[in-house]
Amino acid sequence: MMWPRWWGVLLMVPALACAAPVTFDVYLQLHVGMSEAELLKTAGKPDHVDVRNGRELWWLGNDDTPAQTIVKIESGKVSAIRREQSL
């Protein structure tokens, strides 16, 4: 059976949609008070943005970087940074 060419593109989309995890070297560059724009330039696009309790940006871990990084944003600036071990 021959698959349509666009199926390959559809299969690649979820892989491209995932953000890269924040490595420890990048994590050390993050600091309270940096702008959200500077954060995104340093850490890249987050995997998830949670607005239920303020604004939190999440970068999930993977096998190589088994930690997730959560950054809270208030008034366009980083107000808190935490890193949690992924299971």
C-alpha atoms as a PDB file:
ATOM      1  CA  MET A   1       0.000   0.000   0.000  1.00  0.00           C
ATOM      2  CA  MET A   2       1.304   3.426  -0.898  1.00  0.00           C
ATOM      3  CA  TRP A   3       0.955   6.191   1.709  1.00  0.00           C
ATOM      4  CA  PRO A   4       0.190   9.751   0.640  1.00  0.00           C
ATOM      5  CA  ARG A   5       3.229  12.043   0.884  1.00  0.00           C
ATOM      6  CA  TRP A   6       1.591  14.392   3.379  1.00  0.00           C
ATOM      7  CA  TRP A   7       1.288  11.590   5.977  1.00  0.00           C
ATOM      8  CA  GLY A   8       5.001  11.884   6.649  1.00  0.00           C
ATOM      9  CA  VAL A   9       4.552  15.573   7.355  1.00  0.00           C
ATOM     10  CA  LEU A  10       1.697  14.847   9.771  1.00  0.00           C
ATOM     11  CA  LEU A  11       3.822  12.324  11.622  1.00  0.00           C
ATOM     12  CA  MET A  12       6.632  14.870  12.025  1.00  0.00           C
ATOM     13  CA  VAL A  13       4.447  17.692  13.394  1.00  0.00           C
ATOM     14  CA  PRO A  14       4.164  16.393  17.006  1.00  0.00           C
ATOM     15  CA  ALA A  15       7.930  15.926  17.203  1.00  0.00           C
ATOM     16  CA  LEU A  16       8.538  19.466  15.975  1.00  0.00           C
ATOM     17  CA  ALA A  17       5.953  20.924  18.374  1.00  0.00           C
ATOM     18  CA  CYS A  18       7.859  19.803  21.494  1.00  0.00           C
ATOM     19  CA  ALA A  19      10.181  22.362  23.015  1.00  0.00           C
ATOM     20  CA  ALA A  20      13.714  21.425  23.946  1.00  0.00           C
ATOM     21  CA  PRO A  21      14.259  20.930  27.682  1.00  0.00           C
ATOM     22  CA  VAL A  22      16.228  23.525  29.616  1.00  0.00           C
ATOM     23  CA  THR A  23      19.711  22.119  30.168  1.00  0.00           C
ATOM     24  CA  PHE A  24      21.490  22.783  33.451  1.00  0.00           C
ATOM     25  CA  ASP A  25      23.856  25.230  31.723  1.00  0.00           C
ATOM     26  CA  VAL A  26      20.896  27.245  30.429  1.00  0.00           C
ATOM     27  CA  TYR A  27      19.135  26.988  33.807  1.00  0.00           C
ATOM     28  CA  LEU A  28      22.145  28.654  35.436  1.00  0.00           C
ATOM     29  CA  GLN A  29      21.726  31.637  33.072  1.00  0.00           C
ATOM     30  CA  LEU A  30      18.135  32.298  34.205  1.00  0.00           C
ATOM     31  CA  HIS A  31      17.575  34.849  36.948  1.00  0.00           C
ATOM     32  CA  VAL A  32      14.780  36.674  38.718  1.00  0.00           C
ATOM     33  CA  GLY A  33      14.190  40.084  37.155  1.00  0.00           C
ATOM     34  CA  MET A  34      15.075  39.146  33.567  1.00  0.00           C
ATOM     35  CA  SER A  35      12.459  40.089  30.978  1.00  0.00           C
ATOM     36  CA  GLU A  36      10.193  37.477  29.449  1.00  0.00           C
ATOM     37  CA  ALA A  37      11.735  38.248  26.045  1.00  0.00           C
ATOM     38  CA  GLU A  38      15.240  37.590  27.419  1.00  0.00           C
ATOM     39  CA  LEU A  39      13.986  34.386  29.057  1.00  0.00           C
ATOM     40  CA  LEU A  40      12.544  33.115  25.771  1.00  0.00           C
ATOM     41  CA  LYS A  41      15.714  34.042  23.913  1.00  0.00           C
ATOM     42  CA  THR A  42      17.802  32.132  26.463  1.00  0.00           C
ATOM     43  CA  ALA A  43      15.578  29.105  27.160  1.00  0.00           C
ATOM     44  CA  GLY A  44      13.569  28.869  23.938  1.00  0.00           C
ATOM     45  CA  LYS A  45       9.861  28.258  23.490  1.00  0.00           C
ATOM     46  CA  PRO A  46       8.192  26.551  26.489  1.00  0.00           C
ATOM     47  CA  ASP A  47       6.233  23.308  26.267  1.00  0.00           C
ATOM     48  CA  HIS A  48       3.312  24.718  28.237  1.00  0.00           C
ATOM     49  CA  VAL A  49       2.005  28.058  29.499  1.00  0.00           C
ATOM     50  CA  ASP A  50      -0.222  27.904  32.586  1.00  0.00           C
ATOM     51  CA  VAL A  51      -2.336  30.957  33.408  1.00  0.00           C
ATOM     52  CA  ARG A  52      -4.453  29.484  36.230  1.00  0.00           C
ATOM     53  CA  ASN A  53      -2.249  30.888  39.001  1.00  0.00           C
ATOM     54  CA  GLY A  54      -0.569  33.869  37.410  1.00  0.00           C
ATOM     55  CA  ARG A  55       1.564  33.084  34.365  1.00  0.00           C
ATOM     56  CA  GLU A  56       3.925  30.106  34.452  1.00  0.00           C
ATOM     57  CA  LEU A  57       6.058  28.823  31.582  1.00  0.00           C
ATOM     58  CA  TRP A  58       6.992  25.130  31.652  1.00  0.00           C
ATOM     59  CA  TRP A  59       9.834  23.319  29.895  1.00  0.00           C
ATOM     60  CA  LEU A  60       9.487  19.562  30.281  1.00  0.00           C
ATOM     61  CA  GLY A  61      12.420  17.214  30.695  1.00  0.00           C
ATOM     62  CA  ASN A  62      13.403  14.195  28.612  1.00  0.00           C
ATOM     63  CA  ASP A  63      15.766  11.219  28.961  1.00  0.00           C
ATOM     64  CA  ASP A  64      18.856  13.418  28.558  1.00  0.00           C
ATOM     65  CA  THR A  65      17.607  16.234  30.825  1.00  0.00           C
ATOM     66  CA  PRO A  66      15.368  14.583  33.446  1.00  0.00           C
ATOM     67  CA  ALA A  67      14.145  17.808  35.032  1.00  0.00           C
ATOM     68  CA  GLN A  68      11.350  20.204  34.244  1.00  0.00           C
ATOM     69  CA  THR A  69      11.828  23.942  34.619  1.00  0.00           C
ATOM     70  CA  ILE A  70       8.969  26.215  35.703  1.00  0.00           C
ATOM     71  CA  VAL A  71       9.294  30.000  35.496  1.00  0.00           C
ATOM     72  CA  LYS A  72       6.715  32.414  36.932  1.00  0.00           C
ATOM     73  CA  ILE A  73       6.202  35.712  35.105  1.00  0.00           C
ATOM     74  CA  GLU A  74       4.776  38.851  36.745  1.00  0.00           C
ATOM     75  CA  SER A  75       4.534  42.192  34.929  1.00  0.00           C
ATOM     76  CA  GLY A  76       6.667  40.876  32.065  1.00  0.00           C
ATOM     77  CA  LYS A  77       9.560  39.865  34.350  1.00  0.00           C
ATOM     78  CA  VAL A  78      10.715  36.580  35.847  1.00  0.00           C
ATOM     79  CA  SER A  79       9.592  36.489  39.488  1.00  0.00           C
ATOM     80  CA  ALA A  80      10.423  32.862  40.394  1.00  0.00           C
ATOM     81  CA  ILE A  81      12.316  29.928  38.914  1.00  0.00           C
ATOM     82  CA  ARG A  82      12.119  26.322  40.013  1.00  0.00           C
ATOM     83  CA  ARG A  83      13.429  23.038  38.703  1.00  0.00           C
ATOM     84  CA  GLU A  84      11.822  19.707  39.540  1.00  0.00           C
ATOM     85  CA  GLN A  85      13.102  16.210  38.918  1.00  0.00           C
ATOM     86  CA  SER A  86      11.020  14.406  36.280  1.00  0.00           C
ATOM     87  CA  LEU A  87       9.969  10.856  36.963  1.00  0.00           C
END
